[in-house]
Amino acid sequence: MERIVEKTLLYDYYGELLTDHQREIYEEVVFNDMSLSEAAAEYGISRQGVHDMIRRCDQAMEAYEGKLHLLHQGESIRRRLALLLKKLEETGMDEASRTELIDMTQKIMQEMD
């Protein structure tokens, strides 16, 4: 289960860097549960070819993350924003300022999703 979540997050960040063909097959196999044999028949390549493509896509996205760290940075920002939101909700500042800061924090969190 954890591996699927990791693949999904990596794809969210780096999927656009794959070719259209790679993205199409990757989505079918990883997210839509198409079997390797079904994908092979659908796209006119061998089952081994589908397997190798999925593996190469995973490796490429992991390499992008290894160099760019966007997933790691995004998760770090989300954690800090959640902590900020919690502190804002607990603080004793005036209601208008507090509401404004909470709204801004929530908008940032929504934009990151």
PDB file of N, CA and C in Angstrom:
ATOM      1  N   MET A   1       0.826  -1.202   0.000  1.00  0.00           N
ATOM      2  CA  MET A   1       0.000   0.000   0.000  1.00  0.00           C
ATOM      3  C   MET A   1       0.864   1.257   0.000  1.00  0.00           C
ATOM      4  N   GLU A   2       1.876   1.289   0.861  1.00  0.00           N
ATOM      5  CA  GLU A   2       2.734   2.465   0.961  1.00  0.00           C
ATOM      6  C   GLU A   2       3.464   2.731  -0.352  1.00  0.00           C
ATOM      7  N   ARG A   3       3.835   1.688  -1.048  1.00  0.00           N
ATOM      8  CA  ARG A   3       4.531   1.844  -2.337  1.00  0.00           C
ATOM      9  C   ARG A   3       3.611   2.499  -3.375  1.00  0.00           C
ATOM     10  N   ILE A   4       2.338   2.134  -3.371  1.00  0.00           N
ATOM     11  CA  ILE A   4       1.378   2.728  -4.305  1.00  0.00           C
ATOM     12  C   ILE A   4       1.216   4.214  -4.008  1.00  0.00           C
ATOM     13  N   VAL A   5       1.160   4.572  -2.743  1.00  0.00           N
ATOM     14  CA  VAL A   5       1.046   5.986  -2.361  1.00  0.00           C
ATOM     15  C   VAL A   5       2.286   6.741  -2.834  1.00  0.00           C
ATOM     16  N   GLU A   6       3.456   6.153  -2.647  1.00  0.00           N
ATOM     17  CA  GLU A   6       4.699   6.788  -3.086  1.00  0.00           C
ATOM     18  C   GLU A   6       4.708   6.962  -4.603  1.00  0.00           C
ATOM     19  N   LYS A   7       4.287   5.926  -5.338  1.00  0.00           N
ATOM     20  CA  LYS A   7       4.233   6.015  -6.799  1.00  0.00           C
ATOM     21  C   LYS A   7       3.270   7.121  -7.234  1.00  0.00           C
ATOM     22  N   THR A   8       2.146   7.210  -6.557  1.00  0.00           N
ATOM     23  CA  THR A   8       1.149   8.228  -6.888  1.00  0.00           C
ATOM     24  C   THR A   8       1.707   9.623  -6.669  1.00  0.00           C
ATOM     25  N   LEU A   9       2.365   9.825  -5.536  1.00  0.00           N
ATOM     26  CA  LEU A   9       2.936  11.137  -5.249  1.00  0.00           C
ATOM     27  C   LEU A   9       4.046  11.491  -6.230  1.00  0.00           C
ATOM     28  N   LEU A  10       4.913  10.541  -6.521  1.00  0.00           N
ATOM     29  CA  LEU A  10       5.971  10.802  -7.505  1.00  0.00           C
ATOM     30  C   LEU A  10       5.365  11.138  -8.863  1.00  0.00           C
ATOM     31  N   TYR A  11       4.321  10.413  -9.245  1.00  0.00           N
ATOM     32  CA  TYR A  11       3.672  10.674 -10.529  1.00  0.00           C
ATOM     33  C   TYR A  11       3.033  12.059 -10.536  1.00  0.00           C
ATOM     34  N   ASP A  12       2.423  12.458  -9.415  1.00  0.00           N
ATOM     35  CA  ASP A  12       1.823  13.795  -9.327  1.00  0.00           C
ATOM     36  C   ASP A  12       2.860  14.882  -9.589  1.00  0.00           C
ATOM     37  N   TYR A  13       4.052  14.687  -9.070  1.00  0.00           N
ATOM     38  CA  TYR A  13       5.106  15.694  -9.230  1.00  0.00           C
ATOM     39  C   TYR A  13       5.838  15.590 -10.569  1.00  0.00           C
ATOM     40  N   TYR A  14       6.093  14.364 -11.014  1.00  0.00           N
ATOM     41  CA  TYR A  14       7.001  14.189 -12.155  1.00  0.00           C
ATOM     42  C   TYR A  14       6.388  13.498 -13.370  1.00  0.00           C
ATOM     43  N   GLY A  15       5.128  13.135 -13.304  1.00  0.00           N
ATOM     44  CA  GLY A  15       4.490  12.424 -14.413  1.00  0.00           C
ATOM     45  C   GLY A  15       4.529  13.179 -15.729  1.00  0.00           C
ATOM     46  N   GLU A  16       4.439  14.502 -15.649  1.00  0.00           N
ATOM     47  CA  GLU A  16       4.462  15.308 -16.871  1.00  0.00           C
ATOM     48  C   GLU A  16       5.815  15.249 -17.582  1.00  0.00           C
ATOM     49  N   LEU A  17       6.827  14.781 -16.911  1.00  0.00           N
ATOM     50  CA  LEU A  17       8.148  14.668 -17.532  1.00  0.00           C
ATOM     51  C   LEU A  17       8.295  13.379 -18.344  1.00  0.00           C
ATOM     52  N   LEU A  18       7.338  12.474 -18.205  1.00  0.00           N
ATOM     53  CA  LEU A  18       7.327  11.250 -19.003  1.00  0.00           C
ATOM     54  C   LEU A  18       6.731  11.571 -20.373  1.00  0.00           C
ATOM     55  N   THR A  19       7.012  10.726 -21.344  1.00  0.00           N
ATOM     56  CA  THR A  19       6.399  10.921 -22.663  1.00  0.00           C
ATOM     57  C   THR A  19       4.907  10.602 -22.569  1.00  0.00           C
ATOM     58  N   ASP A  20       4.139  11.045 -23.547  1.00  0.00           N
ATOM     59  CA  ASP A  20       2.703  10.749 -23.571  1.00  0.00           C
ATOM     60  C   ASP A  20       2.467   9.242 -23.540  1.00  0.00           C
ATOM     61  N   HIS A  21       3.238   8.521 -24.327  1.00  0.00           N
ATOM     62  CA  HIS A  21       3.114   7.058 -24.402  1.00  0.00           C
ATOM     63  C   HIS A  21       3.405   6.421 -23.035  1.00  0.00           C
ATOM     64  N   GLN A  22       4.467   6.850 -22.397  1.00  0.00           N
ATOM     65  CA  GLN A  22       4.812   6.318 -21.075  1.00  0.00           C
ATOM     66  C   GLN A  22       3.711   6.627 -20.062  1.00  0.00           C
ATOM     67  N   ARG A  23       3.225   7.867 -20.080  1.00  0.00           N
ATOM     68  CA  ARG A  23       2.173   8.263 -19.132  1.00  0.00           C
ATOM     69  C   ARG A  23       0.913   7.425 -19.323  1.00  0.00           C
ATOM     70  N   GLU A  24       0.541   7.225 -20.570  1.00  0.00           N
ATOM     71  CA  GLU A  24      -0.668   6.469 -20.870  1.00  0.00           C
ATOM     72  C   GLU A  24      -0.571   5.041 -20.331  1.00  0.00           C
ATOM     73  N   ILE A  25       0.515   4.369 -20.638  1.00  0.00           N
ATOM     74  CA  ILE A  25       0.690   2.987 -20.184  1.00  0.00           C
ATOM     75  C   ILE A  25       0.838   2.945 -18.662  1.00  0.00           C
ATOM     76  N   TYR A  26       1.607   3.867 -18.105  1.00  0.00           N
ATOM     77  CA  TYR A  26       1.820   3.898 -16.652  1.00  0.00           C
ATOM     78  C   TYR A  26       0.482   4.062 -15.928  1.00  0.00           C
ATOM     79  N   GLU A  27      -0.330   4.985 -16.386  1.00  0.00           N
ATOM     80  CA  GLU A  27      -1.629   5.213 -15.743  1.00  0.00           C
ATOM     81  C   GLU A  27      -2.513   3.980 -15.828  1.00  0.00           C
ATOM     82  N   GLU A  28      -2.530   3.342 -16.992  1.00  0.00           N
ATOM     83  CA  GLU A  28      -3.366   2.153 -17.155  1.00  0.00           C
ATOM     84  C   GLU A  28      -2.940   1.028 -16.213  1.00  0.00           C
ATOM     85  N   VAL A  29      -1.648   0.784 -16.143  1.00  0.00           N
ATOM     86  CA  VAL A  29      -1.158  -0.350 -15.341  1.00  0.00           C
ATOM     87  C   VAL A  29      -1.161  -0.024 -13.850  1.00  0.00           C
ATOM     88  N   VAL A  30      -0.623   1.123 -13.475  1.00  0.00           N
ATOM     89  CA  VAL A  30      -0.448   1.433 -12.053  1.00  0.00           C
ATOM     90  C   VAL A  30      -1.742   1.928 -11.409  1.00  0.00           C
ATOM     91  N   PHE A  31      -2.482   2.786 -12.091  1.00  0.00           N
ATOM     92  CA  PHE A  31      -3.648   3.401 -11.468  1.00  0.00           C
ATOM     93  C   PHE A  31      -4.970   2.751 -11.844  1.00  0.00           C
ATOM     94  N   ASN A  32      -5.040   2.176 -13.028  1.00  0.00           N
ATOM     95  CA  ASN A  32      -6.300   1.574 -13.476  1.00  0.00           C
ATOM     96  C   ASN A  32      -6.282   0.050 -13.415  1.00  0.00           C
ATOM     97  N   ASP A  33      -5.234  -0.501 -12.830  1.00  0.00           N
ATOM     98  CA  ASP A  33      -5.115  -1.945 -12.607  1.00  0.00           C
ATOM     99  C   ASP A  33      -5.218  -2.794 -13.876  1.00  0.00           C
ATOM    100  N   MET A  34      -4.760  -2.249 -14.995  1.00  0.00           N
ATOM    101  CA  MET A  34      -4.692  -3.053 -16.211  1.00  0.00           C
ATOM    102  C   MET A  34      -3.515  -4.012 -16.058  1.00  0.00           C
ATOM    103  N   SER A  35      -3.711  -5.254 -16.419  1.00  0.00           N
ATOM    104  CA  SER A  35      -2.619  -6.216 -16.294  1.00  0.00           C
ATOM    105  C   SER A  35      -1.553  -5.930 -17.347  1.00  0.00           C
ATOM    106  N   LEU A  36      -0.370  -6.460 -17.103  1.00  0.00           N
ATOM    107  CA  LEU A  36       0.714  -6.299 -18.070  1.00  0.00           C
ATOM    108  C   LEU A  36       0.334  -6.903 -19.416  1.00  0.00           C
ATOM    109  N   SER A  37      -0.330  -8.056 -19.371  1.00  0.00           N
ATOM    110  CA  SER A  37      -0.755  -8.722 -20.609  1.00  0.00           C
ATOM    111  C   SER A  37      -1.789  -7.892 -21.354  1.00  0.00           C
ATOM    112  N   GLU A  38      -2.738  -7.312 -20.626  1.00  0.00           N
ATOM    113  CA  GLU A  38      -3.760  -6.467 -21.263  1.00  0.00           C
ATOM    114  C   GLU A  38      -3.115  -5.231 -21.896  1.00  0.00           C
ATOM    115  N   ALA A  39      -2.194  -4.611 -21.170  1.00  0.00           N
ATOM    116  CA  ALA A  39      -1.510  -3.425 -21.695  1.00  0.00           C
ATOM    117  C   ALA A  39      -0.685  -3.784 -22.926  1.00  0.00           C
ATOM    118  N   ALA A  40      -0.028  -4.934 -22.863  1.00  0.00           N
ATOM    119  CA  ALA A  40       0.779  -5.375 -24.007  1.00  0.00           C
ATOM    120  C   ALA A  40      -0.096  -5.536 -25.250  1.00  0.00           C
ATOM    121  N   ALA A  41      -1.241  -6.165 -25.086  1.00  0.00           N
ATOM    122  CA  ALA A  41      -2.153  -6.362 -26.217  1.00  0.00           C
ATOM    123  C   ALA A  41      -2.706  -5.027 -26.708  1.00  0.00           C
ATOM    124  N   GLU A  42      -3.051  -4.158 -25.786  1.00  0.00           N
ATOM    125  CA  GLU A  42      -3.641  -2.857 -26.123  1.00  0.00           C
ATOM    126  C   GLU A  42      -2.665  -1.961 -26.896  1.00  0.00           C
ATOM    127  N   TYR A  43      -1.397  -2.002 -26.502  1.00  0.00           N
ATOM    128  CA  TYR A  43      -0.413  -1.079 -27.080  1.00  0.00           C
ATOM    129  C   TYR A  43       0.541  -1.737 -28.074  1.00  0.00           C
ATOM    130  N   GLY A  44       0.342  -3.013 -28.330  1.00  0.00           N
ATOM    131  CA  GLY A  44       1.127  -3.689 -29.348  1.00  0.00           C
ATOM    132  C   GLY A  44       2.588  -3.883 -28.992  1.00  0.00           C
ATOM    133  N   ILE A  45       2.859  -4.081 -27.707  1.00  0.00           N
ATOM    134  CA  ILE A  45       4.220  -4.385 -27.273  1.00  0.00           C
ATOM    135  C   ILE A  45       4.184  -5.643 -26.421  1.00  0.00           C
ATOM    136  N   SER A  46       5.344  -6.165 -26.093  1.00  0.00           N
ATOM    137  CA  SER A  46       5.379  -7.398 -25.310  1.00  0.00           C
ATOM    138  C   SER A  46       5.064  -7.116 -23.840  1.00  0.00           C
ATOM    139  N   ARG A  47       4.659  -8.159 -23.151  1.00  0.00           N
ATOM    140  CA  ARG A  47       4.406  -8.056 -21.715  1.00  0.00           C
ATOM    141  C   ARG A  47       5.670  -7.594 -20.998  1.00  0.00           C
ATOM    142  N   GLN A  48       6.803  -8.141 -21.396  1.00  0.00           N
ATOM    143  CA  GLN A  48       8.091  -7.743 -20.808  1.00  0.00           C
ATOM    144  C   GLN A  48       8.380  -6.272 -21.110  1.00  0.00           C
ATOM    145  N   GLY A  49       8.008  -5.824 -22.299  1.00  0.00           N
ATOM    146  CA  GLY A  49       8.196  -4.426 -22.664  1.00  0.00           C
ATOM    147  C   GLY A  49       7.395  -3.493 -21.766  1.00  0.00           C
ATOM    148  N   VAL A  50       6.167  -3.888 -21.446  1.00  0.00           N
ATOM    149  CA  VAL A  50       5.330  -3.102 -20.530  1.00  0.00           C
ATOM    150  C   VAL A  50       5.976  -3.071 -19.154  1.00  0.00           C
ATOM    151  N   HIS A  51       6.397  -4.233 -18.682  1.00  0.00           N
ATOM    152  CA  HIS A  51       7.038  -4.325 -17.368  1.00  0.00           C
ATOM    153  C   HIS A  51       8.282  -3.439 -17.300  1.00  0.00           C
ATOM    154  N   ASP A  52       9.103  -3.501 -18.333  1.00  0.00           N
ATOM    155  CA  ASP A  52      10.323  -2.693 -18.370  1.00  0.00           C
ATOM    156  C   ASP A  52      10.014  -1.200 -18.408  1.00  0.00           C
ATOM    157  N   MET A  53       8.960  -0.830 -19.149  1.00  0.00           N
ATOM    158  CA  MET A  53       8.592   0.578 -19.230  1.00  0.00           C
ATOM    159  C   MET A  53       8.137   1.105 -17.867  1.00  0.00           C
ATOM    160  N   ILE A  54       7.338   0.331 -17.160  1.00  0.00           N
ATOM    161  CA  ILE A  54       6.868   0.744 -15.832  1.00  0.00           C
ATOM    162  C   ILE A  54       8.073   0.905 -14.904  1.00  0.00           C
ATOM    163  N   ARG A  55       8.983  -0.049 -14.947  1.00  0.00           N
ATOM    164  CA  ARG A  55      10.183   0.012 -14.106  1.00  0.00           C
ATOM    165  C   ARG A  55      11.032   1.237 -14.448  1.00  0.00           C
ATOM    166  N   ARG A  56      11.216   1.504 -15.745  1.00  0.00           N
ATOM    167  CA  ARG A  56      11.999   2.671 -16.163  1.00  0.00           C
ATOM    168  C   ARG A  56      11.319   3.981 -15.757  1.00  0.00           C
ATOM    169  N   CYS A  57      10.004   4.023 -15.868  1.00  0.00           N
ATOM    170  CA  CYS A  57       9.272   5.226 -15.442  1.00  0.00           C
ATOM    171  C   CYS A  57       9.464   5.458 -13.940  1.00  0.00           C
ATOM    172  N   ASP A  58       9.333   4.397 -13.157  1.00  0.00           N
ATOM    173  CA  ASP A  58       9.554   4.521 -11.707  1.00  0.00           C
ATOM    174  C   ASP A  58      10.970   5.011 -11.414  1.00  0.00           C
ATOM    175  N   GLN A  59      11.939   4.435 -12.093  1.00  0.00           N
ATOM    176  CA  GLN A  59      13.329   4.834 -11.876  1.00  0.00           C
ATOM    177  C   GLN A  59      13.565   6.288 -12.277  1.00  0.00           C
ATOM    178  N   ALA A  60      12.967   6.699 -13.382  1.00  0.00           N
ATOM    179  CA  ALA A  60      13.139   8.080 -13.848  1.00  0.00           C
ATOM    180  C   ALA A  60      12.541   9.057 -12.841  1.00  0.00           C
ATOM    181  N   MET A  61      11.333   8.762 -12.365  1.00  0.00           N
ATOM    182  CA  MET A  61      10.682   9.669 -11.412  1.00  0.00           C
ATOM    183  C   MET A  61      11.430   9.695 -10.078  1.00  0.00           C
ATOM    184  N   GLU A  62      11.969   8.551  -9.656  1.00  0.00           N
ATOM    185  CA  GLU A  62      12.774   8.513  -8.436  1.00  0.00           C
ATOM    186  C   GLU A  62      14.069   9.311  -8.619  1.00  0.00           C
ATOM    187  N   ALA A  63      14.638   9.251  -9.816  1.00  0.00           N
ATOM    188  CA  ALA A  63      15.852  10.024 -10.093  1.00  0.00           C
ATOM    189  C   ALA A  63      15.556  11.523 -10.078  1.00  0.00           C
ATOM    190  N   TYR A  64      14.409  11.919 -10.650  1.00  0.00           N
ATOM    191  CA  TYR A  64      14.015  13.338 -10.603  1.00  0.00           C
ATOM    192  C   TYR A  64      13.887  13.790  -9.156  1.00  0.00           C
ATOM    193  N   GLU A  65      13.230  12.977  -8.339  1.00  0.00           N
ATOM    194  CA  GLU A  65      13.064  13.332  -6.926  1.00  0.00           C
ATOM    195  C   GLU A  65      14.417  13.381  -6.227  1.00  0.00           C
ATOM    196  N   GLY A  66      15.310  12.477  -6.586  1.00  0.00           N
ATOM    197  CA  GLY A  66      16.641  12.470  -6.001  1.00  0.00           C
ATOM    198  C   GLY A  66      17.420  13.749  -6.283  1.00  0.00           C
ATOM    199  N   LYS A  67      17.143  14.363  -7.411  1.00  0.00           N
ATOM    200  CA  LYS A  67      17.850  15.594  -7.773  1.00  0.00           C
ATOM    201  C   LYS A  67      17.085  16.851  -7.370  1.00  0.00           C
ATOM    202  N   LEU A  68      15.775  16.825  -7.501  1.00  0.00           N
ATOM    203  CA  LEU A  68      14.977  18.035  -7.295  1.00  0.00           C
ATOM    204  C   LEU A  68      14.332  18.139  -5.913  1.00  0.00           C
ATOM    205  N   HIS A  69      14.034  17.013  -5.305  1.00  0.00           N
ATOM    206  CA  HIS A  69      13.451  16.962  -3.951  1.00  0.00           C
ATOM    207  C   HIS A  69      12.118  17.694  -3.829  1.00  0.00           C
ATOM    208  N   LEU A  70      11.347  17.772  -4.904  1.00  0.00           N
ATOM    209  CA  LEU A  70      10.078  18.488  -4.862  1.00  0.00           C
ATOM    210  C   LEU A  70       9.067  17.806  -3.952  1.00  0.00           C
ATOM    211  N   LEU A  71       9.002  16.498  -4.006  1.00  0.00           N
ATOM    212  CA  LEU A  71       8.073  15.755  -3.150  1.00  0.00           C
ATOM    213  C   LEU A  71       8.421  15.969  -1.683  1.00  0.00           C
ATOM    214  N   HIS A  72       9.678  15.827  -1.362  1.00  0.00           N
ATOM    215  CA  HIS A  72      10.133  16.018   0.016  1.00  0.00           C
ATOM    216  C   HIS A  72       9.853  17.437   0.495  1.00  0.00           C
ATOM    217  N   GLN A  73      10.157  18.417  -0.331  1.00  0.00           N
ATOM    218  CA  GLN A  73       9.923  19.816   0.043  1.00  0.00           C
ATOM    219  C   GLN A  73       8.435  20.100   0.201  1.00  0.00           C
ATOM    220  N   GLY A  74       7.619  19.555  -0.689  1.00  0.00           N
ATOM    221  CA  GLY A  74       6.177  19.752  -0.612  1.00  0.00           C
ATOM    222  C   GLY A  74       5.601  19.189   0.664  1.00  0.00           C
ATOM    223  N   GLU A  75       6.044  17.994   1.038  1.00  0.00           N
ATOM    224  CA  GLU A  75       5.554  17.375   2.275  1.00  0.00           C
ATOM    225  C   GLU A  75       6.002  18.177   3.494  1.00  0.00           C
ATOM    226  N   SER A  76       7.213  18.677   3.459  1.00  0.00           N
ATOM    227  CA  SER A  76       7.730  19.499   4.548  1.00  0.00           C
ATOM    228  C   SER A  76       6.912  20.788   4.694  1.00  0.00           C
ATOM    229  N   ILE A  77       6.598  21.414   3.592  1.00  0.00           N
ATOM    230  CA  ILE A  77       5.794  22.646   3.616  1.00  0.00           C
ATOM    231  C   ILE A  77       4.394  22.344   4.144  1.00  0.00           C
ATOM    232  N   ARG A  78       3.799  21.239   3.713  1.00  0.00           N
ATOM    233  CA  ARG A  78       2.466  20.863   4.195  1.00  0.00           C
ATOM    234  C   ARG A  78       2.464  20.668   5.714  1.00  0.00           C
ATOM    235  N   ARG A  79       3.480  19.990   6.226  1.00  0.00           N
ATOM    236  CA  ARG A  79       3.563  19.774   7.683  1.00  0.00           C
ATOM    237  C   ARG A  79       3.672  21.098   8.428  1.00  0.00           C
ATOM    238  N   ARG A  80       4.510  22.000   7.911  1.00  0.00           N
ATOM    239  CA  ARG A  80       4.686  23.299   8.571  1.00  0.00           C
ATOM    240  C   ARG A  80       3.425  24.146   8.491  1.00  0.00           C
ATOM    241  N   LEU A  81       2.732  24.082   7.346  1.00  0.00           N
ATOM    242  CA  LEU A  81       1.478  24.824   7.221  1.00  0.00           C
ATOM    243  C   LEU A  81       0.411  24.278   8.168  1.00  0.00           C
ATOM    244  N   ALA A  82       0.353  22.964   8.317  1.00  0.00           N
ATOM    245  CA  ALA A  82      -0.611  22.370   9.246  1.00  0.00           C
ATOM    246  C   ALA A  82      -0.316  22.810  10.675  1.00  0.00           C
ATOM    247  N   LEU A  83       0.954  22.855  11.045  1.00  0.00           N
ATOM    248  CA  LEU A  83       1.345  23.323  12.373  1.00  0.00           C
ATOM    249  C   LEU A  83       0.995  24.798  12.543  1.00  0.00           C
ATOM    250  N   LEU A  84       1.265  25.594  11.530  1.00  0.00           N
ATOM    251  CA  LEU A  84       0.923  27.014  11.568  1.00  0.00           C
ATOM    252  C   LEU A  84      -0.581  27.200  11.744  1.00  0.00           C
ATOM    253  N   LEU A  85      -1.369  26.441  11.003  1.00  0.00           N
ATOM    254  CA  LEU A  85      -2.816  26.533  11.098  1.00  0.00           C
ATOM    255  C   LEU A  85      -3.290  26.186  12.510  1.00  0.00           C
ATOM    256  N   LYS A  86      -2.717  25.144  13.065  1.00  0.00           N
ATOM    257  CA  LYS A  86      -3.076  24.741  14.434  1.00  0.00           C
ATOM    258  C   LYS A  86      -2.748  25.859  15.425  1.00  0.00           C
ATOM    259  N   LYS A  87      -1.573  26.447  15.306  1.00  0.00           N
ATOM    260  CA  LYS A  87      -1.171  27.525  16.211  1.00  0.00           C
ATOM    261  C   LYS A  87      -2.049  28.763  16.031  1.00  0.00           C
ATOM    262  N   LEU A  88      -2.409  29.058  14.785  1.00  0.00           N
ATOM    263  CA  LEU A  88      -3.274  30.202  14.526  1.00  0.00           C
ATOM    264  C   LEU A  88      -4.648  30.012  15.172  1.00  0.00           C
ATOM    265  N   GLU A  89      -5.136  28.795  15.101  1.00  0.00           N
ATOM    266  CA  GLU A  89      -6.443  28.513  15.691  1.00  0.00           C
ATOM    267  C   GLU A  89      -6.407  28.615  17.210  1.00  0.00           C
ATOM    268  N   GLU A  90      -5.251  28.402  17.818  1.00  0.00           N
ATOM    269  CA  GLU A  90      -5.111  28.444  19.275  1.00  0.00           C
ATOM    270  C   GLU A  90      -4.735  29.821  19.812  1.00  0.00           C
ATOM    271  N   THR A  91      -4.246  30.692  18.959  1.00  0.00           N
ATOM    272  CA  THR A  91      -3.696  31.960  19.419  1.00  0.00           C
ATOM    273  C   THR A  91      -4.786  32.929  19.882  1.00  0.00           C
ATOM    274  N   GLY A  92      -4.359  33.929  20.654  1.00  0.00           N
ATOM    275  CA  GLY A  92      -5.298  34.885  21.217  1.00  0.00           C
ATOM    276  C   GLY A  92      -5.326  36.217  20.492  1.00  0.00           C
ATOM    277  N   MET A  93      -4.858  36.303  19.248  1.00  0.00           N
ATOM    278  CA  MET A  93      -4.864  37.583  18.535  1.00  0.00           C
ATOM    279  C   MET A  93      -6.303  37.972  18.173  1.00  0.00           C
ATOM    280  N   ASP A  94      -6.469  39.201  17.699  1.00  0.00           N
ATOM    281  CA  ASP A  94      -7.821  39.662  17.377  1.00  0.00           C
ATOM    282  C   ASP A  94      -8.424  38.790  16.279  1.00  0.00           C
ATOM    283  N   GLU A  95      -9.723  38.667  16.331  1.00  0.00           N
ATOM    284  CA  GLU A  95     -10.447  37.725  15.468  1.00  0.00           C
ATOM    285  C   GLU A  95     -10.255  38.006  13.981  1.00  0.00           C
ATOM    286  N   ALA A  96     -10.249  39.263  13.570  1.00  0.00           N
ATOM    287  CA  ALA A  96     -10.110  39.591  12.148  1.00  0.00           C
ATOM    288  C   ALA A  96      -8.745  39.171  11.611  1.00  0.00           C
ATOM    289  N   SER A  97      -7.685  39.471  12.357  1.00  0.00           N
ATOM    290  CA  SER A  97      -6.325  39.098  11.927  1.00  0.00           C
ATOM    291  C   SER A  97      -6.173  37.589  11.911  1.00  0.00           C
ATOM    292  N   ARG A  98      -6.664  36.949  12.947  1.00  0.00           N
ATOM    293  CA  ARG A  98      -6.572  35.495  13.055  1.00  0.00           C
ATOM    294  C   ARG A  98      -7.302  34.837  11.890  1.00  0.00           C
ATOM    295  N   THR A  99      -8.502  35.279  11.586  1.00  0.00           N
ATOM    296  CA  THR A  99      -9.288  34.718  10.484  1.00  0.00           C
ATOM    297  C   THR A  99      -8.586  34.921   9.153  1.00  0.00           C
ATOM    298  N   GLU A 100      -8.015  36.093   8.954  1.00  0.00           N
ATOM    299  CA  GLU A 100      -7.297  36.379   7.714  1.00  0.00           C
ATOM    300  C   GLU A 100      -6.100  35.448   7.541  1.00  0.00           C
ATOM    301  N   LEU A 101      -5.335  35.259   8.603  1.00  0.00           N
ATOM    302  CA  LEU A 101      -4.164  34.374   8.529  1.00  0.00           C
ATOM    303  C   LEU A 101      -4.575  32.921   8.331  1.00  0.00           C
ATOM    304  N   ILE A 102      -5.632  32.502   8.987  1.00  0.00           N
ATOM    305  CA  ILE A 102      -6.127  31.128   8.803  1.00  0.00           C
ATOM    306  C   ILE A 102      -6.576  30.930   7.360  1.00  0.00           C
ATOM    307  N   ASP A 103      -7.310  31.886   6.799  1.00  0.00           N
ATOM    308  CA  ASP A 103      -7.766  31.786   5.408  1.00  0.00           C
ATOM    309  C   ASP A 103      -6.591  31.717   4.442  1.00  0.00           C
ATOM    310  N   MET A 104      -5.580  32.558   4.650  1.00  0.00           N
ATOM    311  CA  MET A 104      -4.401  32.546   3.775  1.00  0.00           C
ATOM    312  C   MET A 104      -3.689  31.200   3.859  1.00  0.00           C
ATOM    313  N   THR A 105      -3.542  30.677   5.056  1.00  0.00           N
ATOM    314  CA  THR A 105      -2.862  29.391   5.239  1.00  0.00           C
ATOM    315  C   THR A 105      -3.650  28.277   4.556  1.00  0.00           C
ATOM    316  N   GLN A 106      -4.948  28.277   4.714  1.00  0.00           N
ATOM    317  CA  GLN A 106      -5.778  27.245   4.081  1.00  0.00           C
ATOM    318  C   GLN A 106      -5.719  27.342   2.556  1.00  0.00           C
ATOM    319  N   LYS A 107      -5.682  28.536   2.007  1.00  0.00           N
ATOM    320  CA  LYS A 107      -5.588  28.707   0.553  1.00  0.00           C
ATOM    321  C   LYS A 107      -4.261  28.163   0.021  1.00  0.00           C
ATOM    322  N   ILE A 108      -3.191  28.415   0.760  1.00  0.00           N
ATOM    323  CA  ILE A 108      -1.882  27.877   0.360  1.00  0.00           C
ATOM    324  C   ILE A 108      -1.915  26.363   0.366  1.00  0.00           C
ATOM    325  N   MET A 109      -2.504  25.792   1.405  1.00  0.00           N
ATOM    326  CA  MET A 109      -2.588  24.329   1.501  1.00  0.00           C
ATOM    327  C   MET A 109      -3.417  23.753   0.348  1.00  0.00           C
ATOM    328  N   GLN A 110      -4.520  24.416  -0.015  1.00  0.00           N
ATOM    329  CA  GLN A 110      -5.349  23.958  -1.120  1.00  0.00           C
ATOM    330  C   GLN A 110      -4.615  24.044  -2.441  1.00  0.00           C
ATOM    331  N   GLU A 111      -3.845  25.099  -2.638  1.00  0.00           N
ATOM    332  CA  GLU A 111      -3.094  25.267  -3.879  1.00  0.00           C
ATOM    333  C   GLU A 111      -2.028  24.189  -4.033  1.00  0.00           C
ATOM    334  N   MET A 112      -1.546  23.653  -2.926  1.00  0.00           N
ATOM    335  CA  MET A 112      -0.507  22.624  -2.978  1.00  0.00           C
ATOM    336  C   MET A 112      -1.093  21.267  -3.343  1.00  0.00           C
ATOM    337  N   ASP A 113      -2.390  21.078  -3.175  1.00  0.00           N
ATOM    338  CA  ASP A 113      -3.013  19.781  -3.481  1.00  0.00           C
ATOM    339  C   ASP A 113      -3.318  19.613  -4.929  1.00  0.00           C
TER     340      ASP A 113
END
